[in-house]
Every structure is written in structure tokens, then in C-alpha cells.
Amino acid sequence: MDWLVGLDERMFLAVNGLGGPGWDAFFSIVTYAGHGLALAVFVLVPMAIFDRARLRAHVLAMVLSVAVGALAVEGIKAAADRDRPARHFAAAIAKGEVEVRMPSDQLYEESFPSGHTQAAFGTATYVSLLYPKWSPLALLLATLVGISRTYLGVHFPLDVLGGALAGVLFSLAGFKLRGRLASRRTSATSRSG
């Protein structure tokens, strides 16, 4: 397990160390795509304009999948109690051995898993299931959100991976559960009619 933590630390320092003003601005903007309000604007508003029927059919399952995933991530964070990179490397930073860049939010509380990444991958997964042709773009944006969390110094790569996995699993489960419930409703309606 120590080798995995060591690899995670090295990967974090490599990605976080790529900094530059242009990339700082880019990833500071991209990271906000992992916020619920931004996800609503990027997904629910276009669906309300272009595909109201599918929005009505899926909005509850989509929102609950991402929201329940977020609650699970918060529970895992509390249980895992993993320090954010700045706190984890505090002694090495004080000695000048390591630099952790945080050009955006200064976060120090629990790190594992990444909530922004969970929300981004949860939304991207649900969108991919509804609109397969949009899958590459949705997953690219979710991946950029995950990279941004490490680049901005607030999450280790394993935090991002854990958040992505939680997002994917909860949205897959929500989509399938919604499909089963809709199928049962249809069967019950046809039997009673």
C-alpha cells in the first residue's frame, strides 16, 4: 500500500507542478464545472429547451443520482479522513522540499474522494446514457474537472479516481433503477387497462 501512496504523491506533485498563468486560469474555470449549479446550467437548461420529454422522464433520477453520490462521498471523506495535499505535505513545504500550488481555493479539510469529480462524472455518466453521441464531450469535461482538482492543489489523483468511480456507479445505478421503475409502471398500467 505504501507504494500506491508514494505513486499518488509523485503524480500529484507532477501534475500540480505544471503550473503557469494560462493553465491556472483555464483550470480555475474548468473546476467550476464540478459544481451543482454549473451542471444544472450545462445539462438541465439545454434539456429544458431541446428535450423536455426526456427531462421530465429523467430529471428526478439524474438529480438524485448525483445528490446521493455526493452524500456518499461526504460520508467516505469523513470516514477516510485523508488530509488534503497542502496539509499532507506541510512539513516538507516548511522545509522548502516541496511546493504545493493552490492558485484557486485554499482547501485543507478531508480529501478523499473528490466531490467535484464525483458530480462531474455522475452527470457525464447520466448524460452519456441518455445521449450516447454526447458521451465523448461529457466525459472529456468530467476528466478535465478531475485533472483540475489535482492541478489546483486540492486533491490527490487517487481522490479524483475515487470521486470519478463514485459518480459513475451512482449514476449507473440511478439510471437502471429509474428504468426498472418506469418498466413496472408501464406493466402495471397495461395490466389494469
N, C-alpha and C. Protein backbone atom coordinates (compact mmCIF):
# COMPACT_ATOMS: atom_id res chain seq x y z
N MET A 1 0.82 -1.20 0.00
CA MET A 1 0.00 0.00 0.00
C MET A 1 0.87 1.27 0.00
N ASP A 2 2.03 1.20 0.63
CA ASP A 2 2.92 2.37 0.66
C ASP A 2 3.35 2.78 -0.74
N TRP A 3 3.54 1.79 -1.63
CA TRP A 3 3.95 2.12 -3.00
C TRP A 3 2.87 2.91 -3.71
N LEU A 4 1.59 2.58 -3.41
CA LEU A 4 0.47 3.28 -4.05
C LEU A 4 0.38 4.72 -3.55
N VAL A 5 0.54 4.91 -2.26
CA VAL A 5 0.53 6.26 -1.68
C VAL A 5 1.70 7.07 -2.24
N GLY A 6 2.87 6.43 -2.34
CA GLY A 6 4.04 7.11 -2.91
C GLY A 6 3.83 7.51 -4.36
N LEU A 7 3.22 6.61 -5.14
CA LEU A 7 2.90 6.91 -6.54
C LEU A 7 1.90 8.05 -6.61
N ASP A 8 0.89 8.01 -5.75
CA ASP A 8 -0.12 9.07 -5.70
C ASP A 8 0.53 10.42 -5.40
N GLU A 9 1.43 10.45 -4.45
CA GLU A 9 2.13 11.69 -4.10
C GLU A 9 2.96 12.20 -5.27
N ARG A 10 3.70 11.31 -5.93
CA ARG A 10 4.54 11.72 -7.06
C ARG A 10 3.68 12.24 -8.22
N MET A 11 2.57 11.55 -8.49
CA MET A 11 1.69 12.00 -9.56
C MET A 11 1.09 13.37 -9.23
N PHE A 12 0.71 13.55 -7.97
CA PHE A 12 0.17 14.85 -7.55
C PHE A 12 1.19 15.96 -7.80
N LEU A 13 2.42 15.75 -7.33
CA LEU A 13 3.45 16.79 -7.47
C LEU A 13 3.76 17.07 -8.94
N ALA A 14 3.71 16.05 -9.78
CA ALA A 14 3.97 16.24 -11.21
C ALA A 14 2.88 17.09 -11.86
N VAL A 15 1.62 16.75 -11.60
CA VAL A 15 0.52 17.49 -12.22
C VAL A 15 0.42 18.89 -11.62
N ASN A 16 0.52 18.99 -10.31
CA ASN A 16 0.42 20.28 -9.64
C ASN A 16 1.59 21.20 -10.02
N GLY A 17 2.72 20.61 -10.35
CA GLY A 17 3.90 21.40 -10.70
C GLY A 17 3.93 21.91 -12.12
N LEU A 18 2.92 21.60 -12.92
CA LEU A 18 2.88 22.03 -14.31
C LEU A 18 2.46 23.49 -14.46
N GLY A 19 2.27 24.17 -13.37
CA GLY A 19 1.64 25.48 -13.34
C GLY A 19 2.18 26.56 -14.24
N GLY A 20 1.28 27.43 -14.60
CA GLY A 20 1.56 28.62 -15.37
C GLY A 20 0.31 29.47 -15.39
N PRO A 21 0.43 30.77 -15.60
CA PRO A 21 -0.73 31.67 -15.51
C PRO A 21 -1.89 31.27 -16.43
N GLY A 22 -1.59 30.88 -17.67
CA GLY A 22 -2.66 30.49 -18.59
C GLY A 22 -3.39 29.25 -18.12
N TRP A 23 -2.63 28.23 -17.68
CA TRP A 23 -3.24 27.00 -17.18
C TRP A 23 -3.96 27.24 -15.86
N ASP A 24 -3.42 28.13 -15.02
CA ASP A 24 -4.11 28.46 -13.77
C ASP A 24 -5.51 28.98 -14.06
N ALA A 25 -5.61 29.91 -15.00
CA ALA A 25 -6.91 30.49 -15.36
C ALA A 25 -7.83 29.42 -15.96
N PHE A 26 -7.29 28.61 -16.88
CA PHE A 26 -8.09 27.58 -17.54
C PHE A 26 -8.66 26.60 -16.52
N PHE A 27 -7.80 26.04 -15.66
CA PHE A 27 -8.27 25.04 -14.72
C PHE A 27 -9.11 25.64 -13.59
N SER A 28 -8.89 26.91 -13.27
CA SER A 28 -9.74 27.58 -12.27
C SER A 28 -11.16 27.73 -12.79
N ILE A 29 -11.32 27.91 -14.09
CA ILE A 29 -12.65 27.98 -14.70
C ILE A 29 -13.24 26.58 -14.84
N VAL A 30 -12.45 25.65 -15.37
CA VAL A 30 -12.93 24.27 -15.61
C VAL A 30 -13.41 23.62 -14.32
N THR A 31 -12.75 23.88 -13.22
CA THR A 31 -13.10 23.23 -11.95
C THR A 31 -14.52 23.54 -11.53
N TYR A 32 -15.04 24.70 -11.94
CA TYR A 32 -16.41 25.07 -11.57
C TYR A 32 -17.46 24.23 -12.29
N ALA A 33 -17.07 23.49 -13.32
CA ALA A 33 -18.00 22.57 -13.98
C ALA A 33 -18.34 21.40 -13.06
N GLY A 34 -17.66 21.28 -11.94
CA GLY A 34 -17.97 20.25 -10.96
C GLY A 34 -18.94 20.72 -9.88
N HIS A 35 -19.44 21.95 -9.99
CA HIS A 35 -20.43 22.49 -9.05
C HIS A 35 -21.83 22.15 -9.53
N GLY A 36 -22.73 21.88 -8.63
CA GLY A 36 -24.10 21.52 -8.98
C GLY A 36 -24.80 22.57 -9.83
N LEU A 37 -24.64 23.85 -9.51
CA LEU A 37 -25.31 24.90 -10.27
C LEU A 37 -24.81 24.93 -11.72
N ALA A 38 -23.50 24.79 -11.89
CA ALA A 38 -22.94 24.77 -13.24
C ALA A 38 -23.45 23.56 -14.02
N LEU A 39 -23.53 22.42 -13.34
CA LEU A 39 -24.03 21.22 -14.01
C LEU A 39 -25.48 21.39 -14.43
N ALA A 40 -26.27 22.05 -13.59
CA ALA A 40 -27.67 22.31 -13.95
C ALA A 40 -27.75 23.19 -15.18
N VAL A 41 -26.91 24.22 -15.24
CA VAL A 41 -26.91 25.12 -16.39
C VAL A 41 -26.47 24.38 -17.65
N PHE A 42 -25.41 23.57 -17.55
CA PHE A 42 -24.88 22.86 -18.72
C PHE A 42 -25.77 21.72 -19.21
N VAL A 43 -26.56 21.13 -18.32
CA VAL A 43 -27.33 19.95 -18.69
C VAL A 43 -28.84 20.19 -18.64
N LEU A 44 -29.35 20.63 -17.51
CA LEU A 44 -30.79 20.73 -17.36
C LEU A 44 -31.41 21.84 -18.21
N VAL A 45 -30.72 22.98 -18.32
CA VAL A 45 -31.26 24.07 -19.13
C VAL A 45 -31.34 23.67 -20.61
N PRO A 46 -30.26 23.12 -21.21
CA PRO A 46 -30.40 22.67 -22.61
C PRO A 46 -31.48 21.60 -22.79
N MET A 47 -31.61 20.70 -21.82
CA MET A 47 -32.66 19.68 -21.92
C MET A 47 -34.04 20.34 -21.86
N ALA A 48 -34.21 21.35 -21.02
CA ALA A 48 -35.49 22.05 -20.92
C ALA A 48 -35.84 22.75 -22.23
N ILE A 49 -34.83 23.18 -22.96
CA ILE A 49 -35.06 23.87 -24.22
C ILE A 49 -35.27 22.88 -25.37
N PHE A 50 -34.44 21.84 -25.44
CA PHE A 50 -34.41 20.97 -26.61
C PHE A 50 -35.04 19.59 -26.43
N ASP A 51 -35.23 19.13 -25.19
CA ASP A 51 -35.70 17.77 -24.99
C ASP A 51 -36.51 17.66 -23.69
N ARG A 52 -37.62 18.39 -23.65
CA ARG A 52 -38.43 18.45 -22.42
C ARG A 52 -38.98 17.10 -21.99
N ALA A 53 -39.36 16.28 -22.95
CA ALA A 53 -39.93 14.97 -22.61
C ALA A 53 -38.91 14.12 -21.85
N ARG A 54 -37.68 14.10 -22.34
CA ARG A 54 -36.65 13.30 -21.66
C ARG A 54 -36.28 13.94 -20.32
N LEU A 55 -36.28 15.26 -20.26
CA LEU A 55 -36.01 15.94 -18.99
C LEU A 55 -37.05 15.54 -17.95
N ARG A 56 -38.33 15.60 -18.33
CA ARG A 56 -39.39 15.21 -17.38
C ARG A 56 -39.22 13.76 -16.93
N ALA A 57 -38.84 12.90 -17.85
CA ALA A 57 -38.70 11.48 -17.53
C ALA A 57 -37.49 11.19 -16.65
N HIS A 58 -36.44 12.01 -16.76
CA HIS A 58 -35.17 11.65 -16.10
C HIS A 58 -34.67 12.65 -15.06
N VAL A 59 -35.26 13.82 -14.95
CA VAL A 59 -34.68 14.83 -14.08
C VAL A 59 -34.55 14.36 -12.63
N LEU A 60 -35.58 13.73 -12.11
CA LEU A 60 -35.52 13.28 -10.72
C LEU A 60 -34.42 12.23 -10.52
N ALA A 61 -34.37 11.25 -11.40
CA ALA A 61 -33.34 10.20 -11.26
C ALA A 61 -31.94 10.78 -11.42
N MET A 62 -31.77 11.70 -12.37
CA MET A 62 -30.45 12.28 -12.61
C MET A 62 -29.99 13.10 -11.39
N VAL A 63 -30.86 13.97 -10.92
CA VAL A 63 -30.50 14.83 -9.79
C VAL A 63 -30.26 13.99 -8.54
N LEU A 64 -31.14 13.01 -8.29
CA LEU A 64 -30.95 12.17 -7.10
C LEU A 64 -29.69 11.31 -7.20
N SER A 65 -29.37 10.83 -8.38
CA SER A 65 -28.15 10.02 -8.55
C SER A 65 -26.91 10.82 -8.16
N VAL A 66 -26.85 12.05 -8.64
CA VAL A 66 -25.69 12.90 -8.34
C VAL A 66 -25.72 13.34 -6.88
N ALA A 67 -26.91 13.68 -6.37
CA ALA A 67 -27.02 14.14 -4.98
C ALA A 67 -26.72 13.03 -3.98
N VAL A 68 -27.25 11.83 -4.21
CA VAL A 68 -26.98 10.71 -3.30
C VAL A 68 -25.50 10.33 -3.38
N GLY A 69 -24.93 10.39 -4.59
CA GLY A 69 -23.49 10.17 -4.74
C GLY A 69 -22.68 11.18 -3.95
N ALA A 70 -23.13 12.43 -3.95
CA ALA A 70 -22.43 13.48 -3.19
C ALA A 70 -22.50 13.21 -1.69
N LEU A 71 -23.66 12.76 -1.22
CA LEU A 71 -23.79 12.42 0.20
C LEU A 71 -22.87 11.25 0.57
N ALA A 72 -22.80 10.26 -0.31
CA ALA A 72 -21.91 9.13 -0.06
C ALA A 72 -20.46 9.58 -0.01
N VAL A 73 -20.08 10.47 -0.93
CA VAL A 73 -18.71 10.99 -0.95
C VAL A 73 -18.39 11.70 0.36
N GLU A 74 -19.34 12.50 0.85
CA GLU A 74 -19.10 13.21 2.12
C GLU A 74 -18.93 12.23 3.27
N GLY A 75 -19.72 11.16 3.27
CA GLY A 75 -19.57 10.13 4.30
C GLY A 75 -18.23 9.43 4.22
N ILE A 76 -17.80 9.12 2.99
CA ILE A 76 -16.50 8.47 2.80
C ILE A 76 -15.38 9.41 3.23
N LYS A 77 -15.51 10.70 2.90
CA LYS A 77 -14.49 11.68 3.31
C LYS A 77 -14.33 11.69 4.82
N ALA A 78 -15.44 11.71 5.53
CA ALA A 78 -15.39 11.73 6.99
C ALA A 78 -14.74 10.46 7.53
N ALA A 79 -15.07 9.32 6.92
CA ALA A 79 -14.51 8.04 7.39
C ALA A 79 -13.03 7.91 7.02
N ALA A 80 -12.67 8.31 5.81
CA ALA A 80 -11.28 8.16 5.36
C ALA A 80 -10.36 9.17 6.04
N ASP A 81 -10.87 10.37 6.27
CA ASP A 81 -10.12 11.43 6.96
C ASP A 81 -8.72 11.62 6.39
N ARG A 82 -8.64 11.66 5.06
CA ARG A 82 -7.35 11.87 4.40
C ARG A 82 -7.10 13.37 4.25
N ASP A 83 -5.89 13.79 4.62
CA ASP A 83 -5.53 15.20 4.51
C ASP A 83 -5.45 15.64 3.06
N ARG A 84 -5.80 16.89 2.82
CA ARG A 84 -5.58 17.50 1.51
C ARG A 84 -4.08 17.63 1.30
N PRO A 85 -3.65 17.79 0.05
CA PRO A 85 -2.21 17.85 -0.23
C PRO A 85 -1.45 18.89 0.57
N ALA A 86 -1.98 20.09 0.73
CA ALA A 86 -1.24 21.15 1.46
C ALA A 86 -0.97 20.75 2.90
N ARG A 87 -1.95 20.13 3.54
CA ARG A 87 -1.75 19.69 4.92
C ARG A 87 -0.84 18.45 4.96
N HIS A 88 -1.04 17.54 4.00
CA HIS A 88 -0.23 16.31 3.94
C HIS A 88 1.26 16.64 3.79
N PHE A 89 1.56 17.61 2.95
CA PHE A 89 2.96 17.97 2.69
C PHE A 89 3.45 19.13 3.56
N ALA A 90 2.71 19.51 4.59
CA ALA A 90 3.04 20.71 5.38
C ALA A 90 4.49 20.73 5.88
N ALA A 91 4.98 19.63 6.41
CA ALA A 91 6.35 19.59 6.94
C ALA A 91 7.36 19.78 5.81
N ALA A 92 7.15 19.10 4.68
CA ALA A 92 8.06 19.23 3.54
C ALA A 92 7.99 20.63 2.94
N ILE A 93 6.81 21.24 2.95
CA ILE A 93 6.67 22.61 2.46
C ILE A 93 7.45 23.57 3.36
N ALA A 94 7.32 23.39 4.67
CA ALA A 94 8.02 24.25 5.63
C ALA A 94 9.53 24.17 5.46
N LYS A 95 10.04 23.00 5.10
CA LYS A 95 11.48 22.81 4.88
C LYS A 95 11.92 23.26 3.49
N GLY A 96 10.97 23.62 2.63
CA GLY A 96 11.30 24.01 1.27
C GLY A 96 11.58 22.84 0.34
N GLU A 97 11.21 21.64 0.74
CA GLU A 97 11.46 20.44 -0.07
C GLU A 97 10.39 20.24 -1.15
N VAL A 98 9.21 20.76 -0.90
CA VAL A 98 8.08 20.56 -1.79
C VAL A 98 7.31 21.87 -1.90
N GLU A 99 6.75 22.09 -3.08
CA GLU A 99 5.86 23.23 -3.26
C GLU A 99 4.50 22.70 -3.70
N VAL A 100 3.46 23.12 -3.02
CA VAL A 100 2.10 22.79 -3.42
C VAL A 100 1.43 24.08 -3.85
N ARG A 101 1.13 24.15 -5.13
CA ARG A 101 0.49 25.35 -5.68
C ARG A 101 -1.01 25.24 -5.50
N MET A 102 -1.62 26.31 -5.00
CA MET A 102 -3.08 26.38 -4.91
C MET A 102 -3.52 27.73 -5.47
N PRO A 103 -3.56 27.84 -6.81
CA PRO A 103 -3.91 29.13 -7.40
C PRO A 103 -5.37 29.51 -7.26
N SER A 104 -6.19 28.61 -6.76
CA SER A 104 -7.63 28.86 -6.65
C SER A 104 -8.02 28.77 -5.18
N ASP A 105 -8.94 27.86 -4.84
CA ASP A 105 -9.42 27.70 -3.47
C ASP A 105 -8.32 27.17 -2.56
N GLN A 106 -8.28 27.68 -1.35
CA GLN A 106 -7.34 27.19 -0.34
C GLN A 106 -8.09 26.20 0.55
N LEU A 107 -7.97 24.92 0.25
CA LEU A 107 -8.72 23.89 0.97
C LEU A 107 -7.77 23.02 1.78
N TYR A 108 -8.20 22.67 3.01
CA TYR A 108 -7.33 21.89 3.88
C TYR A 108 -8.04 20.72 4.55
N GLU A 109 -9.37 20.66 4.50
CA GLU A 109 -10.09 19.58 5.20
C GLU A 109 -9.95 18.26 4.43
N GLU A 110 -10.85 17.32 4.66
CA GLU A 110 -10.73 15.98 4.10
C GLU A 110 -10.64 15.99 2.57
N SER A 111 -9.90 15.00 2.07
CA SER A 111 -9.56 14.99 0.65
C SER A 111 -10.19 13.85 -0.14
N PHE A 112 -10.31 12.68 0.43
CA PHE A 112 -10.73 11.50 -0.36
C PHE A 112 -12.18 11.16 -0.10
N PRO A 113 -12.95 11.02 -1.17
CA PRO A 113 -12.73 11.27 -2.60
C PRO A 113 -13.12 12.70 -2.99
N SER A 114 -12.88 13.04 -4.23
CA SER A 114 -13.17 14.38 -4.74
C SER A 114 -14.64 14.54 -5.07
N GLY A 115 -15.29 15.48 -4.40
CA GLY A 115 -16.70 15.75 -4.63
C GLY A 115 -16.97 16.38 -5.99
N HIS A 116 -16.10 17.32 -6.40
CA HIS A 116 -16.26 17.93 -7.72
C HIS A 116 -16.21 16.85 -8.82
N THR A 117 -15.27 15.94 -8.67
CA THR A 117 -15.10 14.90 -9.68
C THR A 117 -16.29 13.95 -9.67
N GLN A 118 -16.80 13.63 -8.48
CA GLN A 118 -17.99 12.78 -8.38
C GLN A 118 -19.16 13.42 -9.11
N ALA A 119 -19.39 14.71 -8.87
CA ALA A 119 -20.51 15.40 -9.51
C ALA A 119 -20.32 15.45 -11.02
N ALA A 120 -19.11 15.75 -11.46
CA ALA A 120 -18.85 15.85 -12.90
C ALA A 120 -19.01 14.49 -13.59
N PHE A 121 -18.44 13.43 -13.01
CA PHE A 121 -18.56 12.11 -13.63
C PHE A 121 -19.98 11.54 -13.47
N GLY A 122 -20.64 11.86 -12.38
CA GLY A 122 -22.02 11.41 -12.23
C GLY A 122 -22.90 12.02 -13.32
N THR A 123 -22.75 13.30 -13.54
CA THR A 123 -23.53 13.98 -14.58
C THR A 123 -23.13 13.47 -15.96
N ALA A 124 -21.83 13.36 -16.21
CA ALA A 124 -21.36 12.89 -17.52
C ALA A 124 -21.86 11.48 -17.81
N THR A 125 -21.90 10.64 -16.81
CA THR A 125 -22.38 9.27 -17.00
C THR A 125 -23.85 9.26 -17.36
N TYR A 126 -24.64 10.03 -16.62
CA TYR A 126 -26.07 10.05 -16.90
C TYR A 126 -26.33 10.64 -18.29
N VAL A 127 -25.64 11.72 -18.63
CA VAL A 127 -25.78 12.32 -19.96
C VAL A 127 -25.37 11.33 -21.04
N SER A 128 -24.29 10.58 -20.81
CA SER A 128 -23.83 9.58 -21.78
C SER A 128 -24.85 8.48 -22.00
N LEU A 129 -25.55 8.10 -20.95
CA LEU A 129 -26.59 7.08 -21.07
C LEU A 129 -27.80 7.60 -21.83
N LEU A 130 -28.13 8.87 -21.64
CA LEU A 130 -29.26 9.48 -22.34
C LEU A 130 -28.93 9.85 -23.78
N TYR A 131 -27.71 10.37 -23.98
CA TYR A 131 -27.30 10.89 -25.29
C TYR A 131 -25.93 10.33 -25.65
N PRO A 132 -25.86 9.10 -26.14
CA PRO A 132 -24.56 8.48 -26.42
C PRO A 132 -23.64 9.31 -27.32
N LYS A 133 -24.20 10.06 -28.24
CA LYS A 133 -23.33 10.84 -29.14
C LYS A 133 -22.62 11.98 -28.39
N TRP A 134 -23.16 12.40 -27.24
CA TRP A 134 -22.52 13.45 -26.44
C TRP A 134 -21.54 12.88 -25.41
N SER A 135 -21.45 11.57 -25.35
CA SER A 135 -20.61 10.91 -24.36
C SER A 135 -19.15 11.38 -24.39
N PRO A 136 -18.49 11.44 -25.56
CA PRO A 136 -17.08 11.87 -25.54
C PRO A 136 -16.88 13.27 -24.95
N LEU A 137 -17.77 14.19 -25.31
CA LEU A 137 -17.65 15.56 -24.80
C LEU A 137 -17.92 15.61 -23.29
N ALA A 138 -18.97 14.90 -22.85
CA ALA A 138 -19.31 14.88 -21.43
C ALA A 138 -18.18 14.27 -20.60
N LEU A 139 -17.63 13.17 -21.08
CA LEU A 139 -16.55 12.51 -20.33
C LEU A 139 -15.25 13.31 -20.39
N LEU A 140 -15.00 14.01 -21.49
CA LEU A 140 -13.83 14.89 -21.57
C LEU A 140 -13.94 16.01 -20.55
N LEU A 141 -15.09 16.63 -20.46
CA LEU A 141 -15.28 17.71 -19.49
C LEU A 141 -15.12 17.18 -18.06
N ALA A 142 -15.70 16.02 -17.78
CA ALA A 142 -15.56 15.43 -16.44
C ALA A 142 -14.10 15.12 -16.13
N THR A 143 -13.37 14.62 -17.12
CA THR A 143 -11.94 14.32 -16.93
C THR A 143 -11.16 15.60 -16.66
N LEU A 144 -11.48 16.66 -17.37
CA LEU A 144 -10.81 17.95 -17.13
C LEU A 144 -11.10 18.48 -15.73
N VAL A 145 -12.34 18.27 -15.25
CA VAL A 145 -12.66 18.67 -13.88
C VAL A 145 -11.77 17.90 -12.91
N GLY A 146 -11.64 16.59 -13.12
CA GLY A 146 -10.79 15.77 -12.25
C GLY A 146 -9.34 16.24 -12.27
N ILE A 147 -8.80 16.49 -13.46
CA ILE A 147 -7.42 16.97 -13.58
C ILE A 147 -7.28 18.31 -12.88
N SER A 148 -8.29 19.16 -13.02
CA SER A 148 -8.22 20.49 -12.40
C SER A 148 -8.06 20.40 -10.89
N ARG A 149 -8.67 19.42 -10.27
CA ARG A 149 -8.61 19.30 -8.81
C ARG A 149 -7.18 19.00 -8.35
N THR A 150 -6.45 18.22 -9.12
CA THR A 150 -5.05 17.94 -8.78
C THR A 150 -4.17 19.13 -9.18
N TYR A 151 -4.40 19.66 -10.37
CA TYR A 151 -3.62 20.81 -10.84
C TYR A 151 -3.72 21.97 -9.86
N LEU A 152 -4.94 22.21 -9.33
CA LEU A 152 -5.16 23.33 -8.41
C LEU A 152 -4.71 23.03 -6.99
N GLY A 153 -4.18 21.84 -6.76
CA GLY A 153 -3.56 21.52 -5.47
C GLY A 153 -4.50 21.10 -4.37
N VAL A 154 -5.75 20.75 -4.70
CA VAL A 154 -6.71 20.44 -3.66
C VAL A 154 -7.04 18.96 -3.52
N HIS A 155 -6.59 18.13 -4.47
CA HIS A 155 -6.84 16.69 -4.40
C HIS A 155 -5.69 15.89 -4.99
N PHE A 156 -5.44 14.74 -4.39
CA PHE A 156 -4.51 13.77 -4.95
C PHE A 156 -5.19 13.04 -6.11
N PRO A 157 -4.42 12.46 -7.02
CA PRO A 157 -5.02 11.69 -8.12
C PRO A 157 -5.94 10.56 -7.65
N LEU A 158 -5.61 9.88 -6.55
CA LEU A 158 -6.49 8.82 -6.06
C LEU A 158 -7.82 9.38 -5.54
N ASP A 159 -7.80 10.61 -5.04
CA ASP A 159 -9.05 11.26 -4.64
C ASP A 159 -9.95 11.45 -5.86
N VAL A 160 -9.32 11.87 -6.95
CA VAL A 160 -10.02 12.11 -8.20
C VAL A 160 -10.58 10.78 -8.74
N LEU A 161 -9.76 9.76 -8.72
CA LEU A 161 -10.20 8.44 -9.19
C LEU A 161 -11.37 7.93 -8.35
N GLY A 162 -11.29 8.09 -7.04
CA GLY A 162 -12.38 7.67 -6.16
C GLY A 162 -13.66 8.45 -6.43
N GLY A 163 -13.53 9.75 -6.64
CA GLY A 163 -14.70 10.57 -6.96
C GLY A 163 -15.32 10.18 -8.29
N ALA A 164 -14.46 9.92 -9.29
CA ALA A 164 -14.96 9.51 -10.61
C ALA A 164 -15.72 8.19 -10.51
N LEU A 165 -15.15 7.24 -9.79
CA LEU A 165 -15.79 5.94 -9.62
C LEU A 165 -17.14 6.07 -8.92
N ALA A 166 -17.20 6.87 -7.87
CA ALA A 166 -18.47 7.09 -7.17
C ALA A 166 -19.50 7.73 -8.10
N GLY A 167 -19.08 8.72 -8.87
CA GLY A 167 -20.01 9.37 -9.79
C GLY A 167 -20.57 8.41 -10.82
N VAL A 168 -19.69 7.61 -11.41
CA VAL A 168 -20.13 6.65 -12.42
C VAL A 168 -21.08 5.63 -11.81
N LEU A 169 -20.71 5.05 -10.68
CA LEU A 169 -21.53 3.98 -10.07
C LEU A 169 -22.91 4.46 -9.65
N PHE A 170 -22.98 5.63 -9.02
CA PHE A 170 -24.28 6.13 -8.56
C PHE A 170 -25.18 6.50 -9.74
N SER A 171 -24.61 7.06 -10.79
CA SER A 171 -25.44 7.40 -11.95
C SER A 171 -25.89 6.17 -12.72
N LEU A 172 -25.01 5.18 -12.86
CA LEU A 172 -25.43 3.92 -13.48
C LEU A 172 -26.57 3.29 -12.69
N ALA A 173 -26.42 3.26 -11.37
CA ALA A 173 -27.46 2.67 -10.52
C ALA A 173 -28.76 3.46 -10.63
N GLY A 174 -28.67 4.79 -10.60
CA GLY A 174 -29.87 5.62 -10.70
C GLY A 174 -30.58 5.45 -12.03
N PHE A 175 -29.81 5.39 -13.10
CA PHE A 175 -30.38 5.22 -14.44
C PHE A 175 -31.10 3.87 -14.55
N LYS A 176 -30.45 2.82 -14.07
CA LYS A 176 -31.04 1.48 -14.14
C LYS A 176 -32.28 1.37 -13.25
N LEU A 177 -32.21 1.93 -12.05
CA LEU A 177 -33.35 1.89 -11.14
C LEU A 177 -34.53 2.64 -11.74
N ARG A 178 -34.28 3.80 -12.31
CA ARG A 178 -35.34 4.58 -12.96
C ARG A 178 -35.97 3.77 -14.10
N GLY A 179 -35.14 3.08 -14.89
CA GLY A 179 -35.64 2.25 -15.97
C GLY A 179 -36.53 1.12 -15.47
N ARG A 180 -36.12 0.47 -14.38
CA ARG A 180 -36.92 -0.62 -13.81
C ARG A 180 -38.26 -0.11 -13.29
N LEU A 181 -38.21 1.03 -12.59
CA LEU A 181 -39.45 1.59 -12.05
C LEU A 181 -40.39 2.01 -13.17
N ALA A 182 -39.85 2.61 -14.22
CA ALA A 182 -40.68 3.01 -15.37
C ALA A 182 -41.27 1.79 -16.05
N SER A 183 -40.49 0.71 -16.16
CA SER A 183 -40.96 -0.53 -16.77
C SER A 183 -42.09 -1.14 -15.94
N ARG A 184 -41.95 -1.13 -14.62
CA ARG A 184 -43.01 -1.67 -13.75
C ARG A 184 -44.30 -0.84 -13.86
N ARG A 185 -44.13 0.48 -13.92
CA ARG A 185 -45.30 1.35 -14.07
C ARG A 185 -46.03 1.05 -15.38
N THR A 186 -45.25 0.89 -16.45
CA THR A 186 -45.83 0.60 -17.75
C THR A 186 -46.56 -0.74 -17.72
N SER A 187 -45.95 -1.75 -17.11
CA SER A 187 -46.57 -3.08 -17.00
C SER A 187 -47.85 -3.02 -16.17
N ALA A 188 -47.81 -2.29 -15.08
CA ALA A 188 -48.98 -2.18 -14.21
C ALA A 188 -50.12 -1.44 -14.92
N THR A 189 -49.76 -0.42 -15.69
CA THR A 189 -50.77 0.34 -16.43
C THR A 189 -51.40 -0.51 -17.51
N SER A 190 -50.60 -1.29 -18.23
CA SER A 190 -51.13 -2.12 -19.30
C SER A 190 -52.00 -3.26 -18.76
N ARG A 191 -51.66 -3.79 -17.58
CA ARG A 191 -52.47 -4.85 -16.97
C ARG A 191 -53.81 -4.31 -16.46
N SER A 192 -53.79 -3.08 -15.93
CA SER A 192 -55.02 -2.52 -15.38
C SER A 192 -55.92 -1.96 -16.49
N GLY A 193 -55.35 -1.69 -17.68
CA GLY A 193 -56.12 -1.11 -18.77
C GLY A 193 -56.78 -2.12 -19.58
